[in-house]
Amino acid sequence: MSRDALCFSCLYKDERPELGFNSELIYCARKEIVVRPKTKCDLYVKSTDEGREEMRNMMYGVISDHDLQEE
């Protein structure tokens, strides 16, 4: 398995251990399927800290300071 496959540095790679996949399979959250790591993909987005934060905010929402003060 080549570690230079795009999937290993992709924003959409889902790393949750409860999925139980081995090193030859990766869950692609964008495609919503299990895939073998690829060296070419039209949906590839390089994973960055900002990108991961934005994705988390889209999935789980954002709690503002104002919301925290009301509690």
N, C-alpha and C. Protein backbone atom coordinates (compact mmCIF):
# COMPACT_ATOMS: atom_id res chain seq x y z
N MET A 1 0.84 -1.18 0.00
CA MET A 1 0.00 0.00 0.00
C MET A 1 0.88 1.24 0.00
N SER A 2 0.72 2.07 -0.97
CA SER A 2 1.52 3.28 -1.09
C SER A 2 0.99 4.37 -0.16
N ARG A 3 1.87 4.92 0.68
CA ARG A 3 1.46 5.98 1.61
C ARG A 3 1.35 7.32 0.90
N ASP A 4 1.68 7.40 -0.39
CA ASP A 4 1.54 8.66 -1.12
C ASP A 4 0.16 8.79 -1.76
N ALA A 5 -0.73 7.86 -1.44
CA ALA A 5 -2.11 7.96 -1.92
C ALA A 5 -2.75 9.20 -1.34
N LEU A 6 -3.57 9.86 -2.14
CA LEU A 6 -4.21 11.11 -1.73
C LEU A 6 -5.09 10.94 -0.49
N CYS A 7 -5.72 9.81 -0.36
CA CYS A 7 -6.67 9.60 0.73
C CYS A 7 -6.08 9.86 2.11
N PHE A 8 -4.80 9.58 2.29
CA PHE A 8 -4.19 9.74 3.60
C PHE A 8 -4.05 11.19 4.02
N SER A 9 -4.10 12.13 3.08
CA SER A 9 -4.00 13.55 3.43
C SER A 9 -5.27 14.31 3.06
N CYS A 10 -6.36 13.59 2.85
CA CYS A 10 -7.61 14.20 2.41
C CYS A 10 -8.48 14.63 3.59
N LEU A 11 -9.15 15.75 3.43
CA LEU A 11 -10.06 16.27 4.45
C LEU A 11 -11.21 15.30 4.72
N TYR A 12 -11.61 14.54 3.74
CA TYR A 12 -12.78 13.68 3.87
C TYR A 12 -12.48 12.28 4.39
N LYS A 13 -11.22 11.98 4.72
CA LYS A 13 -10.87 10.69 5.29
C LYS A 13 -11.42 10.62 6.71
N ASP A 14 -12.22 9.62 6.98
CA ASP A 14 -12.83 9.46 8.30
C ASP A 14 -11.99 8.48 9.10
N GLU A 15 -11.45 8.91 10.22
CA GLU A 15 -10.52 8.10 11.00
C GLU A 15 -11.13 7.51 12.27
N ARG A 16 -12.43 7.47 12.38
CA ARG A 16 -13.05 6.95 13.60
C ARG A 16 -12.72 5.47 13.78
N PRO A 17 -12.14 5.10 14.92
CA PRO A 17 -11.74 3.70 15.14
C PRO A 17 -12.92 2.74 15.19
N GLU A 18 -14.10 3.21 15.53
CA GLU A 18 -15.24 2.30 15.61
C GLU A 18 -15.67 1.78 14.24
N LEU A 19 -15.14 2.38 13.17
CA LEU A 19 -15.47 1.88 11.84
C LEU A 19 -14.80 0.54 11.57
N GLY A 20 -13.67 0.27 12.25
CA GLY A 20 -13.04 -1.04 12.20
C GLY A 20 -12.39 -1.43 10.89
N PHE A 21 -11.94 -0.48 10.10
CA PHE A 21 -11.30 -0.81 8.84
C PHE A 21 -9.82 -1.07 9.03
N ASN A 22 -9.24 -1.84 8.13
CA ASN A 22 -7.81 -2.09 8.19
C ASN A 22 -7.08 -1.01 7.40
N SER A 23 -5.78 -1.11 7.31
CA SER A 23 -4.97 -0.07 6.66
C SER A 23 -5.16 -0.02 5.14
N GLU A 24 -5.84 -1.00 4.58
CA GLU A 24 -6.04 -1.03 3.13
C GLU A 24 -7.38 -0.42 2.72
N LEU A 25 -8.20 -0.04 3.69
CA LEU A 25 -9.50 0.56 3.39
C LEU A 25 -9.69 1.85 4.17
N ILE A 26 -10.34 2.81 3.55
CA ILE A 26 -10.59 4.11 4.17
C ILE A 26 -12.04 4.48 3.90
N TYR A 27 -12.69 5.06 4.91
CA TYR A 27 -14.05 5.56 4.69
C TYR A 27 -13.95 6.99 4.19
N CYS A 28 -14.55 7.25 3.04
CA CYS A 28 -14.58 8.59 2.46
C CYS A 28 -15.91 9.23 2.86
N ALA A 29 -15.85 10.25 3.70
CA ALA A 29 -17.06 10.92 4.18
C ALA A 29 -17.75 11.68 3.06
N ARG A 30 -17.02 12.12 2.07
CA ARG A 30 -17.61 12.84 0.94
C ARG A 30 -18.41 11.90 0.03
N LYS A 31 -17.81 10.75 -0.27
CA LYS A 31 -18.48 9.77 -1.12
C LYS A 31 -19.44 8.89 -0.32
N GLU A 32 -19.25 8.87 0.99
CA GLU A 32 -20.02 8.04 1.91
C GLU A 32 -19.92 6.56 1.59
N ILE A 33 -18.68 6.13 1.25
CA ILE A 33 -18.40 4.73 0.99
C ILE A 33 -16.99 4.38 1.46
N VAL A 34 -16.73 3.10 1.58
CA VAL A 34 -15.39 2.61 1.90
C VAL A 34 -14.63 2.46 0.59
N VAL A 35 -13.40 2.98 0.56
CA VAL A 35 -12.60 2.93 -0.66
C VAL A 35 -11.19 2.43 -0.36
N ARG A 36 -10.54 1.95 -1.38
CA ARG A 36 -9.10 1.69 -1.29
C ARG A 36 -8.41 3.03 -1.56
N PRO A 37 -7.31 3.33 -0.85
CA PRO A 37 -6.62 4.60 -1.08
C PRO A 37 -6.25 4.79 -2.55
N LYS A 38 -6.46 6.01 -3.03
CA LYS A 38 -6.26 6.32 -4.44
C LYS A 38 -5.18 7.38 -4.64
N THR A 39 -4.56 7.36 -5.80
CA THR A 39 -3.57 8.39 -6.14
C THR A 39 -4.20 9.50 -6.98
N LYS A 40 -5.44 9.29 -7.45
CA LYS A 40 -6.18 10.32 -8.20
C LYS A 40 -7.62 10.34 -7.71
N CYS A 41 -8.15 11.55 -7.46
CA CYS A 41 -9.53 11.67 -7.01
C CYS A 41 -10.02 13.08 -7.31
N ASP A 42 -11.16 13.18 -7.97
CA ASP A 42 -11.73 14.49 -8.30
C ASP A 42 -12.27 15.23 -7.09
N LEU A 43 -12.53 14.52 -6.00
CA LEU A 43 -13.11 15.13 -4.80
C LEU A 43 -12.07 15.46 -3.74
N TYR A 44 -10.79 15.23 -4.02
CA TYR A 44 -9.72 15.43 -3.05
C TYR A 44 -9.62 16.89 -2.60
N VAL A 45 -9.56 17.07 -1.27
CA VAL A 45 -9.29 18.38 -0.67
C VAL A 45 -8.23 18.14 0.40
N LYS A 46 -7.10 18.85 0.28
CA LYS A 46 -6.01 18.66 1.25
C LYS A 46 -6.49 19.05 2.64
N SER A 47 -6.24 18.20 3.60
CA SER A 47 -6.64 18.44 4.97
C SER A 47 -5.74 19.47 5.62
N THR A 48 -6.33 20.51 6.17
CA THR A 48 -5.61 21.55 6.91
C THR A 48 -6.32 21.76 8.23
N ASP A 49 -5.67 22.42 9.17
CA ASP A 49 -6.32 22.71 10.45
C ASP A 49 -7.60 23.51 10.25
N GLU A 50 -7.54 24.51 9.38
CA GLU A 50 -8.71 25.35 9.12
C GLU A 50 -9.83 24.54 8.48
N GLY A 51 -9.49 23.69 7.55
CA GLY A 51 -10.48 22.86 6.88
C GLY A 51 -11.16 21.90 7.84
N ARG A 52 -10.36 21.26 8.72
CA ARG A 52 -10.94 20.34 9.71
C ARG A 52 -11.85 21.09 10.67
N GLU A 53 -11.45 22.28 11.09
CA GLU A 53 -12.28 23.09 12.00
C GLU A 53 -13.59 23.49 11.32
N GLU A 54 -13.52 23.90 10.07
CA GLU A 54 -14.72 24.28 9.33
C GLU A 54 -15.66 23.08 9.16
N MET A 55 -15.09 21.92 8.89
CA MET A 55 -15.93 20.72 8.73
C MET A 55 -16.60 20.36 10.05
N ARG A 56 -15.87 20.43 11.16
CA ARG A 56 -16.47 20.16 12.47
C ARG A 56 -17.60 21.14 12.78
N ASN A 57 -17.37 22.41 12.46
CA ASN A 57 -18.40 23.42 12.70
C ASN A 57 -19.65 23.15 11.87
N MET A 58 -19.48 22.70 10.62
CA MET A 58 -20.63 22.38 9.78
C MET A 58 -21.39 21.18 10.33
N MET A 59 -20.66 20.19 10.85
CA MET A 59 -21.30 18.97 11.34
C MET A 59 -21.96 19.17 12.71
N TYR A 60 -21.29 19.88 13.60
CA TYR A 60 -21.74 19.95 14.98
C TYR A 60 -22.24 21.33 15.40
N GLY A 61 -22.03 22.34 14.57
CA GLY A 61 -22.44 23.69 14.93
C GLY A 61 -21.37 24.39 15.74
N VAL A 62 -21.65 25.64 16.09
CA VAL A 62 -20.69 26.47 16.82
C VAL A 62 -21.40 27.07 18.03
N ILE A 63 -20.73 27.03 19.16
CA ILE A 63 -21.25 27.67 20.36
C ILE A 63 -20.52 29.00 20.51
N SER A 64 -21.28 30.08 20.49
CA SER A 64 -20.67 31.40 20.60
C SER A 64 -20.44 31.74 22.07
N ASP A 65 -19.62 32.75 22.33
CA ASP A 65 -19.37 33.20 23.70
C ASP A 65 -20.67 33.67 24.35
N HIS A 66 -21.55 34.28 23.57
CA HIS A 66 -22.83 34.74 24.08
C HIS A 66 -23.67 33.57 24.59
N ASP A 67 -23.68 32.46 23.86
CA ASP A 67 -24.42 31.26 24.28
C ASP A 67 -23.87 30.70 25.59
N LEU A 68 -22.57 30.75 25.76
CA LEU A 68 -21.94 30.23 26.97
C LEU A 68 -22.28 31.09 28.19
N GLN A 69 -22.38 32.38 28.01
CA GLN A 69 -22.66 33.31 29.10
C GLN A 69 -24.10 33.18 29.60
N GLU A 70 -25.01 32.75 28.76
CA GLU A 70 -26.41 32.62 29.14
C GLU A 70 -26.65 31.45 30.09
N GLU A 71 -25.78 30.47 30.08
CA GLU A 71 -25.98 29.25 30.90
C GLU A 71 -25.67 29.49 32.32
